[in-house]
Amino acid sequence: MSSSRLFKVTFHTAGNVYELYARRVSSSALWGFTEVADLVFDSGDSLVVDPTEERLKSEFADTRVLHLPMQAIVRVEEVDRRGQLRIRDSNTGERVITPFPVPGKPR
């Protein structure tokens, strides 16, 4: 499989719908799971910081391969280029926006 292939993976987890990009998607050796590997994040060269992307980067920082249950996957698309990463509420479809931390303001 060519490393230039890019997949957009949409899946449910913890009451949210995540949209991630990966270079490799295949059947897992674990029965009933799909393997998602080589996650693609922004290189960080931009001056604008996307809090959603930063949250996903930190959540999946040490992840080599995701084994997602087939029932959790909404859609897998092969795309030409990477778009914006998203986290949406699974009930309303509204974006879950992580506020930028403000010093001295409790969360």
Protein backbone atom coordinates (compact mmCIF):
# COMPACT_ATOMS: atom_id res chain seq x y z
CA MET A 1 0.00 0.00 0.00
CA SER A 2 1.45 3.37 -0.98
CA SER A 3 2.33 5.79 1.82
CA SER A 4 0.80 8.62 -0.22
CA ARG A 5 -2.71 7.27 0.40
CA LEU A 6 -4.67 9.30 2.92
CA PHE A 7 -7.84 8.24 4.73
CA LYS A 8 -10.35 10.29 6.69
CA VAL A 9 -11.73 8.11 9.50
CA THR A 10 -14.92 9.15 11.31
CA PHE A 11 -15.81 7.23 14.47
CA HIS A 12 -17.84 7.41 17.72
CA THR A 13 -16.13 7.45 21.11
CA ALA A 14 -17.14 8.75 24.56
CA GLY A 15 -20.27 10.53 23.29
CA ASN A 16 -18.37 12.35 20.55
CA VAL A 17 -17.69 11.81 16.87
CA TYR A 18 -14.00 12.11 15.98
CA GLU A 19 -12.61 12.82 12.51
CA LEU A 20 -8.96 11.83 12.08
CA TYR A 21 -6.63 11.33 9.13
CA ALA A 22 -4.42 8.26 8.73
CA ARG A 23 -2.12 6.72 6.15
CA ARG A 24 -3.19 3.12 6.81
CA VAL A 25 -6.61 1.53 7.46
CA SER A 26 -7.12 -2.24 7.40
CA SER A 27 -8.81 -5.18 9.11
CA SER A 28 -7.31 -5.81 12.51
CA ALA A 29 -5.96 -9.14 13.73
CA LEU A 30 -8.44 -8.64 16.58
CA TRP A 31 -11.81 -9.99 15.44
CA GLY A 32 -14.42 -7.23 15.01
CA PHE A 33 -11.93 -4.35 14.96
CA THR A 34 -10.51 -2.05 12.29
CA GLU A 35 -6.86 -1.02 12.46
CA VAL A 36 -6.06 2.66 11.91
CA ALA A 37 -2.36 3.53 11.82
CA ASP A 38 0.06 6.32 10.92
CA LEU A 39 -2.15 9.16 12.12
CA VAL A 40 -1.55 12.45 10.33
CA PHE A 41 -1.40 15.72 12.25
CA ASP A 42 -0.30 19.23 11.26
CA SER A 43 3.46 19.68 11.30
CA GLY A 44 3.17 22.70 13.58
CA ASP A 45 4.75 25.22 11.21
CA SER A 46 1.69 27.47 11.32
CA LEU A 47 1.32 30.53 13.51
CA VAL A 48 -2.35 29.74 14.13
CA VAL A 49 -2.98 27.07 16.77
CA ASP A 50 -6.09 24.91 16.39
CA PRO A 51 -7.15 23.83 19.91
CA THR A 52 -9.02 20.78 18.56
CA GLU A 53 -5.93 19.57 16.72
CA GLU A 54 -3.77 20.15 19.80
CA ARG A 55 -6.23 18.16 21.93
CA LEU A 56 -6.20 15.26 19.47
CA LYS A 57 -2.40 15.39 19.17
CA SER A 58 -2.03 15.08 22.93
CA GLU A 59 -4.72 12.37 23.20
CA PHE A 60 -3.12 10.20 20.49
CA ALA A 61 0.52 11.28 21.02
CA ASP A 62 1.88 7.82 21.87
CA THR A 63 -0.54 5.85 19.69
CA ARG A 64 1.03 3.67 17.02
CA VAL A 65 -2.16 1.84 15.97
CA LEU A 66 -5.81 2.39 16.88
CA HIS A 67 -7.96 -0.74 17.01
CA LEU A 68 -11.49 0.62 16.63
CA PRO A 69 -14.58 -1.56 17.04
CA MET A 70 -16.37 -1.89 13.70
CA GLN A 71 -19.60 -0.62 15.30
CA ALA A 72 -17.89 2.65 16.28
CA ILE A 73 -16.81 3.52 12.75
CA VAL A 74 -19.16 5.83 10.90
CA ARG A 75 -17.18 6.20 7.69
CA VAL A 76 -13.76 5.74 6.07
CA GLU A 77 -12.96 7.91 3.04
CA GLU A 78 -9.88 7.96 0.85
CA VAL A 79 -9.10 11.66 0.26
CA ASP A 80 -6.60 13.71 -1.73
CA ARG A 81 -5.60 16.11 1.05
CA ARG A 82 -5.96 16.55 4.78
CA GLY A 83 -8.68 18.80 6.10
CA GLN A 84 -9.40 20.15 9.53
CA LEU A 85 -9.63 17.66 12.39
CA ARG A 86 -12.95 17.70 14.23
CA ILE A 87 -14.63 16.52 17.38
CA ARG A 88 -18.44 16.72 17.31
CA ASP A 89 -21.11 15.93 19.87
CA SER A 90 -22.78 12.72 18.72
CA ASN A 91 -26.29 13.90 19.69
CA THR A 92 -26.35 17.44 18.31
CA GLY A 93 -23.58 17.35 15.69
CA GLU A 94 -22.20 20.60 17.12
CA ARG A 95 -18.44 20.99 17.24
CA VAL A 96 -16.88 20.37 20.61
CA ILE A 97 -14.55 23.31 21.02
CA THR A 98 -11.81 23.11 23.60
CA PRO A 99 -11.30 26.61 24.97
CA PHE A 100 -7.80 28.00 24.89
CA PRO A 101 -6.47 27.99 28.47
CA VAL A 102 -6.43 31.41 30.06
CA PRO A 103 -3.91 31.89 32.90
CA GLY A 104 -5.58 32.28 36.29
CA LYS A 105 -9.01 31.16 35.06
CA PRO A 106 -10.17 27.81 36.47
CA ARG A 107 -11.70 25.29 34.07
